[in-house]
Structures are given as C-alpha cells and as structure tokens.
C-alpha cells in the first residue's frame, strides 16, 4: 500500500490518507497518484476486501 493507513475499532473502518503526498504519474500519465492499496486487499482480521485509489488530474 502507498500512503494508506487503516484502523478498525469494533465494526468501524477508518482510512487515513495524507493528501500532501504524491507518488508520480499513473500508468496512463493523465493523473498523479496520491494513495493506493495497489489492488484489492483483505482488511486485516476481517473477511471484507477494499480497493482504494486516490489521485488528481495533472
């Protein structure tokens, strides 16, 4: 994962992303990646999955 912090309290999943960070251009080059789970991942200690991408236009 890049720039993604997940915490679970009971049944509440909290996701933190630092919007000031950048990780370069996307594969298409049209956007700049800010955060990503880099595909679908299983939430720790759960059966649910998450896929997250945060990006902005260049």
N, C-alpha and C. Protein backbone atom coordinates (compact mmCIF):
# COMPACT_ATOMS: atom_id res chain seq x y z
N UNK A 1 0.84 -1.18 0.00
CA UNK A 1 0.00 0.00 0.00
C UNK A 1 0.88 1.24 0.00
N UNK A 2 0.39 2.27 -0.62
CA UNK A 2 1.08 3.54 -0.66
C UNK A 2 0.23 4.60 0.02
N UNK A 3 0.72 5.16 1.14
CA UNK A 3 0.09 6.29 1.79
C UNK A 3 -1.34 5.98 2.26
N UNK A 4 -1.59 4.76 2.70
CA UNK A 4 -2.91 4.37 3.21
C UNK A 4 -2.71 3.75 4.59
N UNK A 5 -3.42 4.28 5.57
CA UNK A 5 -3.39 3.74 6.93
C UNK A 5 -4.81 3.37 7.32
N UNK A 6 -5.03 2.10 7.62
CA UNK A 6 -6.36 1.63 8.00
C UNK A 6 -6.36 1.20 9.46
N UNK A 7 -7.41 1.57 10.18
CA UNK A 7 -7.60 1.09 11.54
C UNK A 7 -9.04 0.64 11.69
N UNK A 8 -9.24 -0.34 12.57
CA UNK A 8 -10.57 -0.86 12.84
C UNK A 8 -10.85 -0.73 14.32
N UNK A 9 -12.00 -0.14 14.64
CA UNK A 9 -12.47 -0.08 16.02
C UNK A 9 -13.88 -0.64 16.02
N UNK A 10 -14.01 -1.84 16.56
CA UNK A 10 -15.31 -2.52 16.50
C UNK A 10 -15.63 -2.87 15.06
N UNK A 11 -16.71 -2.29 14.54
CA UNK A 11 -17.09 -2.53 13.15
C UNK A 11 -16.86 -1.30 12.28
N UNK A 12 -16.09 -0.34 12.77
CA UNK A 12 -15.82 0.89 12.03
C UNK A 12 -14.40 0.85 11.45
N UNK A 13 -14.32 0.95 10.12
CA UNK A 13 -13.04 1.02 9.42
C UNK A 13 -12.73 2.49 9.15
N UNK A 14 -11.56 2.94 9.57
CA UNK A 14 -11.11 4.31 9.33
C UNK A 14 -9.90 4.26 8.41
N UNK A 15 -9.95 5.07 7.36
CA UNK A 15 -8.87 5.12 6.38
C UNK A 15 -8.26 6.52 6.43
N UNK A 16 -6.94 6.57 6.56
CA UNK A 16 -6.23 7.85 6.58
C UNK A 16 -5.30 7.92 5.38
N UNK A 17 -5.36 9.06 4.67
CA UNK A 17 -4.51 9.33 3.51
C UNK A 17 -3.96 10.74 3.66
N UNK A 18 -2.65 10.89 3.50
CA UNK A 18 -2.03 12.21 3.53
C UNK A 18 -2.12 12.80 2.13
N UNK A 19 -3.00 13.79 1.96
CA UNK A 19 -3.24 14.36 0.63
C UNK A 19 -2.11 15.23 0.13
N UNK A 20 -1.10 15.48 0.96
CA UNK A 20 0.04 16.29 0.52
C UNK A 20 1.10 15.45 -0.20
N UNK A 21 1.00 14.14 -0.14
CA UNK A 21 1.99 13.26 -0.78
C UNK A 21 1.60 12.95 -2.21
N UNK A 22 2.61 12.71 -3.03
CA UNK A 22 2.40 12.29 -4.42
C UNK A 22 3.38 11.16 -4.74
N UNK A 23 2.94 10.22 -5.58
CA UNK A 23 3.78 9.07 -5.94
C UNK A 23 3.99 8.96 -7.44
N UNK A 24 3.91 10.10 -8.12
CA UNK A 24 4.20 10.11 -9.55
C UNK A 24 2.97 9.87 -10.40
N UNK A 25 3.18 9.80 -11.71
CA UNK A 25 2.07 9.66 -12.64
C UNK A 25 1.47 8.25 -12.64
N UNK A 26 0.20 8.20 -13.00
CA UNK A 26 -0.47 6.91 -13.18
C UNK A 26 0.08 6.24 -14.44
N UNK A 27 -0.35 5.02 -14.69
CA UNK A 27 0.11 4.30 -15.88
C UNK A 27 -0.26 5.03 -17.17
N UNK A 28 -1.42 5.67 -17.19
CA UNK A 28 -1.85 6.40 -18.39
C UNK A 28 -1.15 7.75 -18.52
N UNK A 29 -0.63 8.26 -17.39
CA UNK A 29 0.02 9.56 -17.40
C UNK A 29 -0.94 10.73 -17.28
N UNK A 30 -2.22 10.45 -17.16
CA UNK A 30 -3.22 11.52 -17.08
C UNK A 30 -3.43 12.04 -15.67
N UNK A 31 -3.05 11.26 -14.68
CA UNK A 31 -3.28 11.65 -13.29
C UNK A 31 -2.01 11.43 -12.46
N UNK A 32 -2.00 12.02 -11.26
CA UNK A 32 -0.92 11.84 -10.31
C UNK A 32 -1.45 11.02 -9.14
N UNK A 33 -0.76 9.95 -8.80
CA UNK A 33 -1.19 9.07 -7.72
C UNK A 33 -0.86 9.71 -6.37
N UNK A 34 -1.86 9.72 -5.48
CA UNK A 34 -1.68 10.23 -4.12
C UNK A 34 -1.65 9.08 -3.13
N UNK A 35 -2.51 8.08 -3.33
CA UNK A 35 -2.54 6.91 -2.44
C UNK A 35 -3.17 5.74 -3.18
N UNK A 36 -2.80 4.53 -2.77
CA UNK A 36 -3.38 3.34 -3.40
C UNK A 36 -3.17 2.11 -2.53
N UNK A 37 -4.14 1.23 -2.56
CA UNK A 37 -3.95 -0.08 -1.95
C UNK A 37 -3.27 -1.02 -2.94
N UNK A 38 -3.07 -0.55 -4.15
CA UNK A 38 -2.43 -1.32 -5.22
C UNK A 38 -3.18 -2.61 -5.50
N UNK A 39 -4.47 -2.47 -5.72
CA UNK A 39 -5.34 -3.61 -5.97
C UNK A 39 -6.25 -3.85 -4.78
N UNK A 40 -7.02 -4.91 -4.87
CA UNK A 40 -7.93 -5.26 -3.77
C UNK A 40 -7.18 -6.05 -2.71
N UNK A 41 -7.34 -5.65 -1.46
CA UNK A 41 -6.69 -6.34 -0.35
C UNK A 41 -7.72 -6.68 0.71
N UNK A 42 -7.42 -7.69 1.49
CA UNK A 42 -8.29 -8.06 2.61
C UNK A 42 -8.03 -7.13 3.78
N UNK A 43 -9.09 -6.65 4.39
CA UNK A 43 -8.96 -5.81 5.57
C UNK A 43 -8.42 -6.68 6.70
N UNK A 44 -7.39 -6.20 7.42
CA UNK A 44 -6.78 -7.03 8.47
C UNK A 44 -7.79 -7.58 9.48
N UNK A 45 -7.69 -8.86 9.75
CA UNK A 45 -8.54 -9.56 10.72
C UNK A 45 -10.01 -9.58 10.34
N UNK A 46 -10.32 -9.38 9.04
CA UNK A 46 -11.71 -9.40 8.56
C UNK A 46 -11.76 -10.20 7.27
N UNK A 47 -12.97 -10.47 6.79
CA UNK A 47 -13.11 -11.17 5.51
C UNK A 47 -13.40 -10.20 4.36
N UNK A 48 -13.74 -8.94 4.68
CA UNK A 48 -14.02 -7.95 3.66
C UNK A 48 -12.75 -7.52 2.94
N UNK A 49 -12.95 -7.04 1.72
CA UNK A 49 -11.84 -6.55 0.92
C UNK A 49 -12.06 -5.08 0.60
N UNK A 50 -10.96 -4.39 0.28
CA UNK A 50 -11.03 -2.99 -0.10
C UNK A 50 -10.06 -2.73 -1.25
N UNK A 51 -10.47 -1.86 -2.14
CA UNK A 51 -9.61 -1.39 -3.22
C UNK A 51 -9.73 0.13 -3.25
N UNK A 52 -8.63 0.83 -3.06
CA UNK A 52 -8.66 2.28 -2.95
C UNK A 52 -7.62 2.92 -3.85
N UNK A 53 -8.04 3.95 -4.59
CA UNK A 53 -7.13 4.78 -5.37
C UNK A 53 -7.51 6.23 -5.13
N UNK A 54 -6.52 7.04 -4.76
CA UNK A 54 -6.73 8.48 -4.63
C UNK A 54 -5.77 9.13 -5.60
N UNK A 55 -6.30 10.01 -6.46
CA UNK A 55 -5.48 10.63 -7.50
C UNK A 55 -6.04 11.99 -7.85
N UNK A 56 -5.24 12.77 -8.58
CA UNK A 56 -5.70 14.06 -9.07
C UNK A 56 -5.23 14.25 -10.51
N UNK A 57 -5.97 15.10 -11.23
CA UNK A 57 -5.57 15.40 -12.61
C UNK A 57 -4.26 16.14 -12.61
N UNK A 58 -3.48 15.92 -13.64
CA UNK A 58 -2.18 16.61 -13.76
C UNK A 58 -2.38 18.07 -14.04
